[in-house]
Amino acid sequence: MSNRPVSLLNVFSKLIEKLMHKRLYSFLMKNNILYKYQFGFRKFFFSTTLALIEVIDNLIQNMENGNILVGMYLDLQKAFDTVNHPK
């Protein structure tokens, strides 16, 4: 079972939402507010593939410099399914 919210907005609300998204995104990009390595929820050159390439490049660079590498990977896919929602 998925706990994703269902959007029940009318057409006018959807238009306002798209307009606000466009203006906010434009403002963030123009003023360079987003973090350099923010890959999620961005257009064009910020895909998950680029995020993986960035990680691999960083790993290789540190290995070549003789640094010790430690990786920790967490799978949070079902994390919110265990939350007690009535509380």
PDB file of N, CA and C in Angstrom:
ATOM      1  N   MET A   1       0.839  -1.186   0.000  1.00  0.00           N
ATOM      2  CA  MET A   1       0.000   0.000   0.000  1.00  0.00           C
ATOM      3  C   MET A   1       0.881   1.246   0.000  1.00  0.00           C
ATOM      4  N   SER A   2       0.554   2.171  -0.848  1.00  0.00           N
ATOM      5  CA  SER A   2       1.313   3.412  -0.939  1.00  0.00           C
ATOM      6  C   SER A   2       0.623   4.498  -0.117  1.00  0.00           C
ATOM      7  N   ASN A   3       1.399   5.282   0.603  1.00  0.00           N
ATOM      8  CA  ASN A   3       0.863   6.364   1.419  1.00  0.00           C
ATOM      9  C   ASN A   3       1.040   7.720   0.766  1.00  0.00           C
ATOM     10  N   ARG A   4       1.173   7.740  -0.545  1.00  0.00           N
ATOM     11  CA  ARG A   4       1.345   9.001  -1.255  1.00  0.00           C
ATOM     12  C   ARG A   4       0.038   9.771  -1.250  1.00  0.00           C
ATOM     13  N   PRO A   5       0.093  11.082  -1.068  1.00  0.00           N
ATOM     14  CA  PRO A   5      -1.142  11.874  -1.044  1.00  0.00           C
ATOM     15  C   PRO A   5      -1.788  11.953  -2.417  1.00  0.00           C
ATOM     16  N   VAL A   6      -3.080  12.070  -2.442  1.00  0.00           N
ATOM     17  CA  VAL A   6      -3.833  12.212  -3.683  1.00  0.00           C
ATOM     18  C   VAL A   6      -4.172  13.691  -3.848  1.00  0.00           C
ATOM     19  N   SER A   7      -3.869  14.226  -5.014  1.00  0.00           N
ATOM     20  CA  SER A   7      -4.150  15.628  -5.274  1.00  0.00           C
ATOM     21  C   SER A   7      -5.545  15.771  -5.872  1.00  0.00           C
ATOM     22  N   LEU A   8      -6.382  16.549  -5.211  1.00  0.00           N
ATOM     23  CA  LEU A   8      -7.737  16.788  -5.691  1.00  0.00           C
ATOM     24  C   LEU A   8      -7.946  18.272  -5.980  1.00  0.00           C
ATOM     25  N   LEU A   9      -7.021  18.856  -6.696  1.00  0.00           N
ATOM     26  CA  LEU A   9      -7.098  20.279  -7.002  1.00  0.00           C
ATOM     27  C   LEU A   9      -7.909  20.524  -8.265  1.00  0.00           C
ATOM     28  N   ASN A  10      -8.605  21.634  -8.294  1.00  0.00           N
ATOM     29  CA  ASN A  10      -9.321  21.990  -9.516  1.00  0.00           C
ATOM     30  C   ASN A  10      -8.336  22.617 -10.515  1.00  0.00           C
ATOM     31  N   VAL A  11      -8.787  22.877 -11.713  1.00  0.00           N
ATOM     32  CA  VAL A  11      -7.929  23.373 -12.791  1.00  0.00           C
ATOM     33  C   VAL A  11      -7.296  24.720 -12.427  1.00  0.00           C
ATOM     34  N   PHE A  12      -8.061  25.616 -11.830  1.00  0.00           N
ATOM     35  CA  PHE A  12      -7.527  26.926 -11.456  1.00  0.00           C
ATOM     36  C   PHE A  12      -6.375  26.779 -10.457  1.00  0.00           C
ATOM     37  N   SER A  13      -6.544  25.917  -9.473  1.00  0.00           N
ATOM     38  CA  SER A  13      -5.498  25.697  -8.472  1.00  0.00           C
ATOM     39  C   SER A  13      -4.243  25.106  -9.105  1.00  0.00           C
ATOM     40  N   LYS A  14      -4.427  24.204 -10.058  1.00  0.00           N
ATOM     41  CA  LYS A  14      -3.277  23.614 -10.749  1.00  0.00           C
ATOM     42  C   LYS A  14      -2.515  24.665 -11.550  1.00  0.00           C
ATOM     43  N   LEU A  15      -3.236  25.576 -12.181  1.00  0.00           N
ATOM     44  CA  LEU A  15      -2.576  26.650 -12.933  1.00  0.00           C
ATOM     45  C   LEU A  15      -1.777  27.561 -12.002  1.00  0.00           C
ATOM     46  N   ILE A  16      -2.368  27.912 -10.871  1.00  0.00           N
ATOM     47  CA  ILE A  16      -1.665  28.751  -9.887  1.00  0.00           C
ATOM     48  C   ILE A  16      -0.428  28.025  -9.370  1.00  0.00           C
ATOM     49  N   GLU A  17      -0.571  26.722  -9.104  1.00  0.00           N
ATOM     50  CA  GLU A  17       0.566  25.931  -8.618  1.00  0.00           C
ATOM     51  C   GLU A  17       1.699  25.925  -9.639  1.00  0.00           C
ATOM     52  N   LYS A  18       1.384  25.713 -10.914  1.00  0.00           N
ATOM     53  CA  LYS A  18       2.423  25.718 -11.958  1.00  0.00           C
ATOM     54  C   LYS A  18       3.079  27.089 -12.087  1.00  0.00           C
ATOM     55  N   LEU A  19       2.290  28.136 -12.006  1.00  0.00           N
ATOM     56  CA  LEU A  19       2.818  29.496 -12.083  1.00  0.00           C
ATOM     57  C   LEU A  19       3.775  29.775 -10.925  1.00  0.00           C
ATOM     58  N   MET A  20       3.361  29.418  -9.720  1.00  0.00           N
ATOM     59  CA  MET A  20       4.211  29.640  -8.542  1.00  0.00           C
ATOM     60  C   MET A  20       5.490  28.803  -8.625  1.00  0.00           C
ATOM     61  N   HIS A  21       5.366  27.567  -9.101  1.00  0.00           N
ATOM     62  CA  HIS A  21       6.547  26.710  -9.251  1.00  0.00           C
ATOM     63  C   HIS A  21       7.537  27.335 -10.228  1.00  0.00           C
ATOM     64  N   LYS A  22       7.026  27.807 -11.348  1.00  0.00           N
ATOM     65  CA  LYS A  22       7.886  28.417 -12.368  1.00  0.00           C
ATOM     66  C   LYS A  22       8.594  29.655 -11.823  1.00  0.00           C
ATOM     67  N   ARG A  23       7.860  30.500 -11.113  1.00  0.00           N
ATOM     68  CA  ARG A  23       8.454  31.729 -10.568  1.00  0.00           C
ATOM     69  C   ARG A  23       9.473  31.426  -9.470  1.00  0.00           C
ATOM     70  N   LEU A  24       9.132  30.494  -8.584  1.00  0.00           N
ATOM     71  CA  LEU A  24      10.042  30.139  -7.497  1.00  0.00           C
ATOM     72  C   LEU A  24      11.311  29.494  -8.040  1.00  0.00           C
ATOM     73  N   TYR A  25      11.160  28.572  -8.983  1.00  0.00           N
ATOM     74  CA  TYR A  25      12.317  27.899  -9.563  1.00  0.00           C
ATOM     75  C   TYR A  25      13.207  28.907 -10.291  1.00  0.00           C
ATOM     76  N   SER A  26      12.590  29.824 -11.019  1.00  0.00           N
ATOM     77  CA  SER A  26      13.345  30.861 -11.723  1.00  0.00           C
ATOM     78  C   SER A  26      14.123  31.727 -10.737  1.00  0.00           C
ATOM     79  N   PHE A  27      13.476  32.106  -9.636  1.00  0.00           N
ATOM     80  CA  PHE A  27      14.133  32.922  -8.610  1.00  0.00           C
ATOM     81  C   PHE A  27      15.321  32.175  -7.998  1.00  0.00           C
ATOM     82  N   LEU A  28      15.127  30.899  -7.667  1.00  0.00           N
ATOM     83  CA  LEU A  28      16.206  30.107  -7.068  1.00  0.00           C
ATOM     84  C   LEU A  28      17.388  29.973  -8.014  1.00  0.00           C
ATOM     85  N   MET A  29      17.118  29.750  -9.292  1.00  0.00           N
ATOM     86  CA  MET A  29      18.195  29.587 -10.258  1.00  0.00           C
ATOM     87  C   MET A  29      18.912  30.916 -10.528  1.00  0.00           C
ATOM     88  N   LYS A  30      18.141  31.989 -10.662  1.00  0.00           N
ATOM     89  CA  LYS A  30      18.733  33.295 -10.968  1.00  0.00           C
ATOM     90  C   LYS A  30      19.631  33.777  -9.833  1.00  0.00           C
ATOM     91  N   ASN A  31      19.238  33.526  -8.604  1.00  0.00           N
ATOM     92  CA  ASN A  31      20.003  33.981  -7.450  1.00  0.00           C
ATOM     93  C   ASN A  31      20.979  32.932  -6.920  1.00  0.00           C
ATOM     94  N   ASN A  32      21.120  31.826  -7.645  1.00  0.00           N
ATOM     95  CA  ASN A  32      22.081  30.777  -7.309  1.00  0.00           C
ATOM     96  C   ASN A  32      21.930  30.316  -5.854  1.00  0.00           C
ATOM     97  N   ILE A  33      20.699  30.006  -5.449  1.00  0.00           N
ATOM     98  CA  ILE A  33      20.397  29.645  -4.071  1.00  0.00           C
ATOM     99  C   ILE A  33      20.518  28.145  -3.831  1.00  0.00           C
ATOM    100  N   LEU A  34      20.192  27.351  -4.851  1.00  0.00           N
ATOM    101  CA  LEU A  34      20.231  25.896  -4.665  1.00  0.00           C
ATOM    102  C   LEU A  34      21.663  25.406  -4.489  1.00  0.00           C
ATOM    103  N   TYR A  35      21.808  24.384  -3.659  1.00  0.00           N
ATOM    104  CA  TYR A  35      23.110  23.773  -3.409  1.00  0.00           C
ATOM    105  C   TYR A  35      23.667  23.181  -4.700  1.00  0.00           C
ATOM    106  N   LYS A  36      24.946  23.309  -4.894  1.00  0.00           N
ATOM    107  CA  LYS A  36      25.622  22.871  -6.113  1.00  0.00           C
ATOM    108  C   LYS A  36      25.360  21.401  -6.428  1.00  0.00           C
ATOM    109  N   TYR A  37      25.265  20.560  -5.397  1.00  0.00           N
ATOM    110  CA  TYR A  37      25.086  19.129  -5.596  1.00  0.00           C
ATOM    111  C   TYR A  37      23.657  18.670  -5.329  1.00  0.00           C
ATOM    112  N   GLN A  38      22.701  19.554  -5.489  1.00  0.00           N
ATOM    113  CA  GLN A  38      21.287  19.177  -5.372  1.00  0.00           C
ATOM    114  C   GLN A  38      20.858  18.579  -6.706  1.00  0.00           C
ATOM    115  N   PHE A  39      20.688  17.263  -6.757  1.00  0.00           N
ATOM    116  CA  PHE A  39      20.366  16.603  -8.018  1.00  0.00           C
ATOM    117  C   PHE A  39      18.878  16.295  -8.153  1.00  0.00           C
ATOM    118  N   GLY A  40      18.193  16.049  -7.059  1.00  0.00           N
ATOM    119  CA  GLY A  40      16.777  15.693  -7.128  1.00  0.00           C
ATOM    120  C   GLY A  40      15.899  16.892  -7.416  1.00  0.00           C
ATOM    121  N   PHE A  41      14.835  16.680  -8.154  1.00  0.00           N
ATOM    122  CA  PHE A  41      13.811  17.686  -8.435  1.00  0.00           C
ATOM    123  C   PHE A  41      14.343  18.886  -9.212  1.00  0.00           C
ATOM    124  N   ARG A  42      15.343  18.641 -10.046  1.00  0.00           N
ATOM    125  CA  ARG A  42      15.855  19.716 -10.893  1.00  0.00           C
ATOM    126  C   ARG A  42      15.843  19.274 -12.337  1.00  0.00           C
ATOM    127  N   LYS A  43      15.812  20.237 -13.236  1.00  0.00           N
ATOM    128  CA  LYS A  43      15.725  19.947 -14.668  1.00  0.00           C
ATOM    129  C   LYS A  43      17.108  19.838 -15.305  1.00  0.00           C
ATOM    130  N   PHE A  44      17.099  19.303 -16.485  1.00  0.00           N
ATOM    131  CA  PHE A  44      18.226  19.269 -17.408  1.00  0.00           C
ATOM    132  C   PHE A  44      19.395  18.440 -16.903  1.00  0.00           C
ATOM    133  N   PHE A  45      20.483  19.055 -16.482  1.00  0.00           N
ATOM    134  CA  PHE A  45      21.735  18.345 -16.226  1.00  0.00           C
ATOM    135  C   PHE A  45      21.888  17.857 -14.788  1.00  0.00           C
ATOM    136  N   PHE A  46      20.799  17.617 -14.093  1.00  0.00           N
ATOM    137  CA  PHE A  46      20.887  17.219 -12.695  1.00  0.00           C
ATOM    138  C   PHE A  46      20.166  15.897 -12.474  1.00  0.00           C
ATOM    139  N   SER A  47      20.533  14.893 -13.246  1.00  0.00           N
ATOM    140  CA  SER A  47      19.881  13.595 -13.172  1.00  0.00           C
ATOM    141  C   SER A  47      20.534  12.715 -12.109  1.00  0.00           C
ATOM    142  N   THR A  48      19.901  11.581 -11.833  1.00  0.00           N
ATOM    143  CA  THR A  48      20.497  10.627 -10.896  1.00  0.00           C
ATOM    144  C   THR A  48      21.771  10.029 -11.474  1.00  0.00           C
ATOM    145  N   THR A  49      21.855   9.943 -12.791  1.00  0.00           N
ATOM    146  CA  THR A  49      23.077   9.445 -13.429  1.00  0.00           C
ATOM    147  C   THR A  49      24.244  10.380 -13.122  1.00  0.00           C
ATOM    148  N   LEU A  50      24.014  11.674 -13.223  1.00  0.00           N
ATOM    149  CA  LEU A  50      25.067  12.639 -12.913  1.00  0.00           C
ATOM    150  C   LEU A  50      25.458  12.564 -11.435  1.00  0.00           C
ATOM    151  N   ALA A  51      24.488  12.323 -10.559  1.00  0.00           N
ATOM    152  CA  ALA A  51      24.791  12.177  -9.136  1.00  0.00           C
ATOM    153  C   ALA A  51      25.703  10.977  -8.903  1.00  0.00           C
ATOM    154  N   LEU A  52      25.428   9.857  -9.575  1.00  0.00           N
ATOM    155  CA  LEU A  52      26.280   8.668  -9.446  1.00  0.00           C
ATOM    156  C   LEU A  52      27.676   8.912 -10.006  1.00  0.00           C
ATOM    157  N   ILE A  53      27.759   9.597 -11.123  1.00  0.00           N
ATOM    158  CA  ILE A  53      29.068   9.918 -11.703  1.00  0.00           C
ATOM    159  C   ILE A  53      29.866  10.788 -10.731  1.00  0.00           C
ATOM    160  N   GLU A  54      29.192  11.736 -10.085  1.00  0.00           N
ATOM    161  CA  GLU A  54      29.855  12.607  -9.111  1.00  0.00           C
ATOM    162  C   GLU A  54      30.406  11.795  -7.945  1.00  0.00           C
ATOM    163  N   VAL A  55      29.628  10.848  -7.443  1.00  0.00           N
ATOM    164  CA  VAL A  55      30.066  10.006  -6.321  1.00  0.00           C
ATOM    165  C   VAL A  55      31.256   9.145  -6.741  1.00  0.00           C
ATOM    166  N   ILE A  56      31.159   8.510  -7.894  1.00  0.00           N
ATOM    167  CA  ILE A  56      32.247   7.642  -8.371  1.00  0.00           C
ATOM    168  C   ILE A  56      33.514   8.441  -8.603  1.00  0.00           C
ATOM    169  N   ASP A  57      33.381   9.625  -9.184  1.00  0.00           N
ATOM    170  CA  ASP A  57      34.544  10.486  -9.410  1.00  0.00           C
ATOM    171  C   ASP A  57      35.203  10.862  -8.083  1.00  0.00           C
ATOM    172  N   ASN A  58      34.376  11.187  -7.087  1.00  0.00           N
ATOM    173  CA  ASN A  58      34.897  11.534  -5.767  1.00  0.00           C
ATOM    174  C   ASN A  58      35.609  10.342  -5.131  1.00  0.00           C
ATOM    175  N   LEU A  59      35.047   9.147  -5.261  1.00  0.00           N
ATOM    176  CA  LEU A  59      35.674   7.943  -4.715  1.00  0.00           C
ATOM    177  C   LEU A  59      37.024   7.675  -5.364  1.00  0.00           C
ATOM    178  N   ILE A  60      37.067   7.738  -6.682  1.00  0.00           N
ATOM    179  CA  ILE A  60      38.315   7.483  -7.406  1.00  0.00           C
ATOM    180  C   ILE A  60      39.374   8.510  -7.031  1.00  0.00           C
ATOM    181  N   GLN A  61      38.991   9.767  -6.937  1.00  0.00           N
ATOM    182  CA  GLN A  61      39.925  10.833  -6.575  1.00  0.00           C
ATOM    183  C   GLN A  61      40.523  10.591  -5.186  1.00  0.00           C
ATOM    184  N   ASN A  62      39.687  10.193  -4.233  1.00  0.00           N
ATOM    185  CA  ASN A  62      40.179   9.930  -2.887  1.00  0.00           C
ATOM    186  C   ASN A  62      41.033   8.678  -2.823  1.00  0.00           C
ATOM    187  N   MET A  63      40.701   7.656  -3.607  1.00  0.00           N
ATOM    188  CA  MET A  63      41.530   6.440  -3.644  1.00  0.00           C
ATOM    189  C   MET A  63      42.907   6.750  -4.207  1.00  0.00           C
ATOM    190  N   GLU A  64      42.962   7.575  -5.234  1.00  0.00           N
ATOM    191  CA  GLU A  64      44.242   7.951  -5.838  1.00  0.00           C
ATOM    192  C   GLU A  64      45.099   8.766  -4.880  1.00  0.00           C
ATOM    193  N   ASN A  65      44.453   9.514  -3.975  1.00  0.00           N
ATOM    194  CA  ASN A  65      45.181  10.297  -2.979  1.00  0.00           C
ATOM    195  C   ASN A  65      45.567   9.479  -1.756  1.00  0.00           C
ATOM    196  N   GLY A  66      45.203   8.182  -1.749  1.00  0.00           N
ATOM    197  CA  GLY A  66      45.562   7.302  -0.652  1.00  0.00           C
ATOM    198  C   GLY A  66      44.692   7.443   0.580  1.00  0.00           C
ATOM    199  N   ASN A  67      43.550   8.055   0.444  1.00  0.00           N
ATOM    200  CA  ASN A  67      42.637   8.219   1.577  1.00  0.00           C
ATOM    201  C   ASN A  67      41.869   6.936   1.848  1.00  0.00           C
ATOM    202  N   ILE A  68      41.488   6.739   3.100  1.00  0.00           N
ATOM    203  CA  ILE A  68      40.668   5.598   3.488  1.00  0.00           C
ATOM    204  C   ILE A  68      39.212   5.964   3.221  1.00  0.00           C
ATOM    205  N   LEU A  69      38.499   5.049   2.571  1.00  0.00           N
ATOM    206  CA  LEU A  69      37.107   5.318   2.205  1.00  0.00           C
ATOM    207  C   LEU A  69      36.166   4.435   3.010  1.00  0.00           C
ATOM    208  N   VAL A  70      35.098   5.023   3.453  1.00  0.00           N
ATOM    209  CA  VAL A  70      34.050   4.293   4.160  1.00  0.00           C
ATOM    210  C   VAL A  70      32.725   4.707   3.525  1.00  0.00           C
ATOM    211  N   GLY A  71      31.880   3.728   3.238  1.00  0.00           N
ATOM    212  CA  GLY A  71      30.582   4.033   2.647  1.00  0.00           C
ATOM    213  C   GLY A  71      29.457   3.553   3.541  1.00  0.00           C
ATOM    214  N   MET A  72      28.415   4.370   3.629  1.00  0.00           N
ATOM    215  CA  MET A  72      27.227   3.980   4.380  1.00  0.00           C
ATOM    216  C   MET A  72      26.025   4.267   3.485  1.00  0.00           C
ATOM    217  N   TYR A  73      25.269   3.232   3.222  1.00  0.00           N
ATOM    218  CA  TYR A  73      24.118   3.355   2.339  1.00  0.00           C
ATOM    219  C   TYR A  73      22.863   2.945   3.095  1.00  0.00           C
ATOM    220  N   LEU A  74      21.860   3.793   3.068  1.00  0.00           N
ATOM    221  CA  LEU A  74      20.616   3.543   3.785  1.00  0.00           C
ATOM    222  C   LEU A  74      19.470   3.427   2.792  1.00  0.00           C
ATOM    223  N   ASP A  75      18.602   2.474   3.027  1.00  0.00           N
ATOM    224  CA  ASP A  75      17.403   2.314   2.206  1.00  0.00           C
ATOM    225  C   ASP A  75      16.216   2.788   3.029  1.00  0.00           C
ATOM    226  N   LEU A  76      15.706   3.975   2.713  1.00  0.00           N
ATOM    227  CA  LEU A  76      14.620   4.573   3.487  1.00  0.00           C
ATOM    228  C   LEU A  76      13.269   4.446   2.788  1.00  0.00           C
ATOM    229  N   GLN A  77      13.185   3.535   1.842  1.00  0.00           N
ATOM    230  CA  GLN A  77      11.966   3.408   1.053  1.00  0.00           C
ATOM    231  C   GLN A  77      10.733   3.170   1.911  1.00  0.00           C
ATOM    232  N   LYS A  78      10.817   2.297   2.903  1.00  0.00           N
ATOM    233  CA  LYS A  78       9.656   1.970   3.731  1.00  0.00           C
ATOM    234  C   LYS A  78       9.714   2.648   5.105  1.00  0.00           C
ATOM    235  N   ALA A  79      10.590   3.595   5.297  1.00  0.00           N
ATOM    236  CA  ALA A  79      10.764   4.213   6.609  1.00  0.00           C
ATOM    237  C   ALA A  79       9.491   4.864   7.112  1.00  0.00           C
ATOM    238  N   PHE A  80       8.758   5.535   6.251  1.00  0.00           N
ATOM    239  CA  PHE A  80       7.572   6.259   6.688  1.00  0.00           C
ATOM    240  C   PHE A  80       6.352   5.348   6.836  1.00  0.00           C
ATOM    241  N   ASP A  81       6.450   4.123   6.352  1.00  0.00           N
ATOM    242  CA  ASP A  81       5.355   3.170   6.542  1.00  0.00           C
ATOM    243  C   ASP A  81       5.286   2.692   7.988  1.00  0.00           C
ATOM    244  N   THR A  82       6.387   2.845   8.736  1.00  0.00           N
ATOM    245  CA  THR A  82       6.418   2.376  10.129  1.00  0.00           C
ATOM    246  C   THR A  82       6.001   3.464  11.115  1.00  0.00           C
ATOM    247  N   VAL A  83       5.721   4.674  10.640  1.00  0.00           N
ATOM    248  CA  VAL A  83       5.320   5.780  11.513  1.00  0.00           C
ATOM    249  C   VAL A  83       3.890   5.529  12.008  1.00  0.00           C
ATOM    250  N   ASN A  84       3.662   5.737  13.293  1.00  0.00           N
ATOM    251  CA  ASN A  84       2.352   5.586  13.873  1.00  0.00           C
ATOM    252  C   ASN A  84       1.550   6.874  13.580  1.00  0.00           C
ATOM    253  N   HIS A  85       0.755   6.857  12.523  1.00  0.00           N
ATOM    254  CA  HIS A  85       0.072   8.068  12.052  1.00  0.00           C
ATOM    255  C   HIS A  85      -0.969   8.645  12.994  1.00  0.00           C
ATOM    256  N   PRO A  86      -1.708   7.833  13.795  1.00  0.00           N
ATOM    257  CA  PRO A  86      -2.700   8.442  14.700  1.00  0.00           C
ATOM    258  C   PRO A  86      -2.080   9.402  15.726  1.00  0.00           C
ATOM    259  N   LYS A  87      -0.834   9.195  16.068  1.00  0.00           N
ATOM    260  CA  LYS A  87      -0.168  10.091  17.020  1.00  0.00           C
ATOM    261  C   LYS A  87       0.183  11.376  16.314  1.00  0.00           C
TER     262      LYS A  87
END
